[in-house]
Amino acid sequence: MSMDKSMNVLIVDDYKTMLRIIRNLLKQIDFNNVEEAMDGGEALSKLRTGNYGLVISDWNMQPMTGLELLTEVRKDTRLKTLPFIMITAESKIENVVAAKQAGVSNYIVKPFNAETLKGKIEKVLCNA
């Protein structure tokens, strides 16, 4: 199964620089329909009104964490199967476990490059 690179991707991070980095990495691997949200609440309202094929969210955000966002997404009947990749600076095993239990599709530890991102996205989208 090939990836649909024209799909809408929502990237969520409360740090503008990180949003720019992720957007640039996505562009390098030919994902150009990228929207941004600065926090979980904004992300949720975009997800509920828009049409996205993938969410890439940071874990550490205020006031809603990436994990809380993921939990909300999984509770929403329309969004519950949406591929969701979590980015974190922490590779703590309990975080990975918590994210897995919450239904995360995949997990990326910072710092990462376009190749890593591409591999994770392929895993998520081609095994969906």
C-alpha atoms as a PDB file:
ATOM      1  CA  MET A   1       0.000   0.000   0.000  1.00  0.00           C
ATOM      2  CA  SER A   2       1.432   3.376  -0.911  1.00  0.00           C
ATOM      3  CA  MET A   3       1.225   6.463   1.220  1.00  0.00           C
ATOM      4  CA  ASP A   4      -1.129   9.236   0.271  1.00  0.00           C
ATOM      5  CA  LYS A   5       1.220  12.186   0.533  1.00  0.00           C
ATOM      6  CA  SER A   6      -1.533  14.630  -0.339  1.00  0.00           C
ATOM      7  CA  MET A   7      -3.382  13.893   2.912  1.00  0.00           C
ATOM      8  CA  ASN A   8      -3.805  16.615   5.502  1.00  0.00           C
ATOM      9  CA  VAL A   9      -1.387  16.287   8.385  1.00  0.00           C
ATOM     10  CA  LEU A  10      -1.939  18.110  11.666  1.00  0.00           C
ATOM     11  CA  ILE A  11       1.169  18.909  13.673  1.00  0.00           C
ATOM     12  CA  VAL A  12       0.727  19.944  17.288  1.00  0.00           C
ATOM     13  CA  ASP A  13       3.372  21.620  19.433  1.00  0.00           C
ATOM     14  CA  ASP A  14       3.320  24.608  21.755  1.00  0.00           C
ATOM     15  CA  TYR A  15       6.756  25.595  20.534  1.00  0.00           C
ATOM     16  CA  LYS A  16       6.758  27.465  17.215  1.00  0.00           C
ATOM     17  CA  THR A  17      10.312  26.477  16.331  1.00  0.00           C
ATOM     18  CA  MET A  18       9.458  22.803  16.679  1.00  0.00           C
ATOM     19  CA  LEU A  19       6.400  23.231  14.438  1.00  0.00           C
ATOM     20  CA  ARG A  20       8.665  24.771  11.803  1.00  0.00           C
ATOM     21  CA  ILE A  21      11.175  21.921  12.105  1.00  0.00           C
ATOM     22  CA  ILE A  22       8.480  19.236  11.767  1.00  0.00           C
ATOM     23  CA  ARG A  23       6.873  21.073   8.838  1.00  0.00           C
ATOM     24  CA  ASN A  24      10.262  21.225   7.064  1.00  0.00           C
ATOM     25  CA  LEU A  25      10.935  17.541   7.688  1.00  0.00           C
ATOM     26  CA  LEU A  26       7.490  16.669   6.318  1.00  0.00           C
ATOM     27  CA  LYS A  27       8.178  18.803   3.245  1.00  0.00           C
ATOM     28  CA  GLN A  28      11.427  16.889   2.678  1.00  0.00           C
ATOM     29  CA  ILE A  29       9.434  13.668   2.470  1.00  0.00           C
ATOM     30  CA  ASP A  30       6.764  15.251   0.232  1.00  0.00           C
ATOM     31  CA  PHE A  31       3.987  15.930   2.711  1.00  0.00           C
ATOM     32  CA  ASN A  32       2.899  19.458   1.856  1.00  0.00           C
ATOM     33  CA  ASN A  33      -0.638  19.696   3.257  1.00  0.00           C
ATOM     34  CA  VAL A  34       0.360  20.478   6.801  1.00  0.00           C
ATOM     35  CA  GLU A  35      -1.643  22.406   9.358  1.00  0.00           C
ATOM     36  CA  GLU A  36      -0.491  23.492  12.779  1.00  0.00           C
ATOM     37  CA  ALA A  37      -2.032  23.703  16.215  1.00  0.00           C
ATOM     38  CA  MET A  38      -0.299  25.312  19.182  1.00  0.00           C
ATOM     39  CA  ASP A  39      -2.029  23.203  21.826  1.00  0.00           C
ATOM     40  CA  GLY A  40      -4.251  20.204  22.376  1.00  0.00           C
ATOM     41  CA  GLY A  41      -7.462  22.196  22.551  1.00  0.00           C
ATOM     42  CA  GLU A  42      -6.841  23.906  19.233  1.00  0.00           C
ATOM     43  CA  ALA A  43      -5.816  20.564  17.749  1.00  0.00           C
ATOM     44  CA  LEU A  44      -9.033  18.917  18.906  1.00  0.00           C
ATOM     45  CA  SER A  45     -11.283  21.553  17.404  1.00  0.00           C
ATOM     46  CA  LYS A  46      -9.366  21.368  14.103  1.00  0.00           C
ATOM     47  CA  LEU A  47      -9.597  17.576  14.112  1.00  0.00           C
ATOM     48  CA  ARG A  48     -13.319  17.639  14.824  1.00  0.00           C
ATOM     49  CA  THR A  49     -14.077  20.072  12.029  1.00  0.00           C
ATOM     50  CA  GLY A  50     -11.409  19.146   9.489  1.00  0.00           C
ATOM     51  CA  ASN A  51     -10.357  16.059   7.646  1.00  0.00           C
ATOM     52  CA  TYR A  52      -6.903  14.746   8.536  1.00  0.00           C
ATOM     53  CA  GLY A  53      -5.054  11.585   7.684  1.00  0.00           C
ATOM     54  CA  LEU A  54      -2.398  11.871  10.373  1.00  0.00           C
ATOM     55  CA  VAL A  55      -1.619  13.680  13.624  1.00  0.00           C
ATOM     56  CA  ILE A  56       1.914  14.312  14.817  1.00  0.00           C
ATOM     57  CA  SER A  57       1.862  15.727  18.313  1.00  0.00           C
ATOM     58  CA  ASP A  58       4.380  16.709  20.927  1.00  0.00           C
ATOM     59  CA  TRP A  59       3.932  15.095  24.334  1.00  0.00           C
ATOM     60  CA  ASN A  60       4.902  18.018  26.573  1.00  0.00           C
ATOM     61  CA  MET A  61       2.393  20.795  26.029  1.00  0.00           C
ATOM     62  CA  GLN A  62       0.296  23.108  28.173  1.00  0.00           C
ATOM     63  CA  PRO A  63      -2.543  23.227  29.083  1.00  0.00           C
ATOM     64  CA  MET A  64      -3.412  19.882  27.421  1.00  0.00           C
ATOM     65  CA  THR A  65      -0.615  17.359  27.009  1.00  0.00           C
ATOM     66  CA  GLY A  66      -0.134  15.229  23.921  1.00  0.00           C
ATOM     67  CA  LEU A  67      -1.266  12.224  25.927  1.00  0.00           C
ATOM     68  CA  GLU A  68      -4.499  13.973  26.941  1.00  0.00           C
ATOM     69  CA  LEU A  69      -5.041  14.974  23.315  1.00  0.00           C
ATOM     70  CA  LEU A  70      -4.511  11.378  22.224  1.00  0.00           C
ATOM     71  CA  THR A  71      -6.990  10.157  24.847  1.00  0.00           C
ATOM     72  CA  GLU A  72      -9.615  12.629  23.611  1.00  0.00           C
ATOM     73  CA  VAL A  73      -9.010  11.644  19.982  1.00  0.00           C
ATOM     74  CA  ARG A  74      -9.418   7.943  20.808  1.00  0.00           C
ATOM     75  CA  LYS A  75     -12.695   8.665  22.650  1.00  0.00           C
ATOM     76  CA  ASP A  76     -14.141  10.443  19.615  1.00  0.00           C
ATOM     77  CA  THR A  77     -16.011   7.990  17.367  1.00  0.00           C
ATOM     78  CA  ARG A  78     -15.061   9.846  14.185  1.00  0.00           C
ATOM     79  CA  LEU A  79     -11.386  10.177  15.114  1.00  0.00           C
ATOM     80  CA  LYS A  80     -10.657   7.011  17.057  1.00  0.00           C
ATOM     81  CA  THR A  81      -8.836   5.245  14.211  1.00  0.00           C
ATOM     82  CA  LEU A  82      -6.857   8.322  13.130  1.00  0.00           C
ATOM     83  CA  PRO A  83      -3.116   7.579  12.916  1.00  0.00           C
ATOM     84  CA  PHE A  84      -1.409   9.446  15.768  1.00  0.00           C
ATOM     85  CA  ILE A  85       2.342   9.803  16.192  1.00  0.00           C
ATOM     86  CA  MET A  86       3.701  11.168  19.475  1.00  0.00           C
ATOM     87  CA  ILE A  87       6.950  13.114  19.696  1.00  0.00           C
ATOM     88  CA  THR A  88       8.808  13.366  22.952  1.00  0.00           C
ATOM     89  CA  ALA A  89      12.181  14.245  24.361  1.00  0.00           C
ATOM     90  CA  GLU A  90      11.692  11.520  26.959  1.00  0.00           C
ATOM     91  CA  SER A  91      12.263   7.910  26.090  1.00  0.00           C
ATOM     92  CA  LYS A  92      11.147   6.798  29.559  1.00  0.00           C
ATOM     93  CA  ILE A  93       9.628   3.358  29.320  1.00  0.00           C
ATOM     94  CA  GLU A  94       6.566   4.330  31.377  1.00  0.00           C
ATOM     95  CA  ASN A  95       5.817   7.097  28.858  1.00  0.00           C
ATOM     96  CA  VAL A  96       6.008   4.663  25.977  1.00  0.00           C
ATOM     97  CA  VAL A  97       3.721   2.279  27.851  1.00  0.00           C
ATOM     98  CA  ALA A  98       1.240   5.043  28.742  1.00  0.00           C
ATOM     99  CA  ALA A  99       1.136   6.208  25.121  1.00  0.00           C
ATOM    100  CA  LYS A 100       0.669   2.636  23.875  1.00  0.00           C
ATOM    101  CA  GLN A 101      -2.174   2.069  26.331  1.00  0.00           C
ATOM    102  CA  ALA A 102      -3.782   5.315  25.207  1.00  0.00           C
ATOM    103  CA  GLY A 103      -3.688   4.035  21.623  1.00  0.00           C
ATOM    104  CA  VAL A 104      -0.737   5.844  20.067  1.00  0.00           C
ATOM    105  CA  SER A 105       0.141   4.605  16.564  1.00  0.00           C
ATOM    106  CA  ASN A 106       3.842   5.296  16.885  1.00  0.00           C
ATOM    107  CA  TYR A 107       6.400   7.168  18.882  1.00  0.00           C
ATOM    108  CA  ILE A 108       9.385   9.362  17.955  1.00  0.00           C
ATOM    109  CA  VAL A 109      12.086  10.484  20.365  1.00  0.00           C
ATOM    110  CA  LYS A 110      13.749  13.861  19.766  1.00  0.00           C
ATOM    111  CA  PRO A 111      16.019  14.688  18.070  1.00  0.00           C
ATOM    112  CA  PHE A 112      15.014  13.002  14.836  1.00  0.00           C
ATOM    113  CA  ASN A 113      15.509  13.521  11.105  1.00  0.00           C
ATOM    114  CA  ALA A 114      13.410  13.219   7.964  1.00  0.00           C
ATOM    115  CA  GLU A 115      14.395   9.565   7.481  1.00  0.00           C
ATOM    116  CA  THR A 116      13.217   8.613  10.962  1.00  0.00           C
ATOM    117  CA  LEU A 117       9.990  10.527  10.497  1.00  0.00           C
ATOM    118  CA  LYS A 118       9.410   8.911   7.111  1.00  0.00           C
ATOM    119  CA  GLY A 119       9.982   5.433   8.542  1.00  0.00           C
ATOM    120  CA  LYS A 120       7.538   6.018  11.387  1.00  0.00           C
ATOM    121  CA  ILE A 121       4.881   7.475   9.076  1.00  0.00           C
ATOM    122  CA  GLU A 122       5.261   4.577   6.641  1.00  0.00           C
ATOM    123  CA  LYS A 123       4.857   2.090   9.479  1.00  0.00           C
ATOM    124  CA  VAL A 124       1.712   3.822  10.671  1.00  0.00           C
ATOM    125  CA  LEU A 125       0.056   4.472   7.306  1.00  0.00           C
ATOM    126  CA  CYS A 126       1.031   1.308   5.485  1.00  0.00           C
ATOM    127  CA  ASN A 127       0.032  -0.991   8.337  1.00  0.00           C
ATOM    128  CA  ALA A 128      -3.212   0.834   9.101  1.00  0.00           C
END
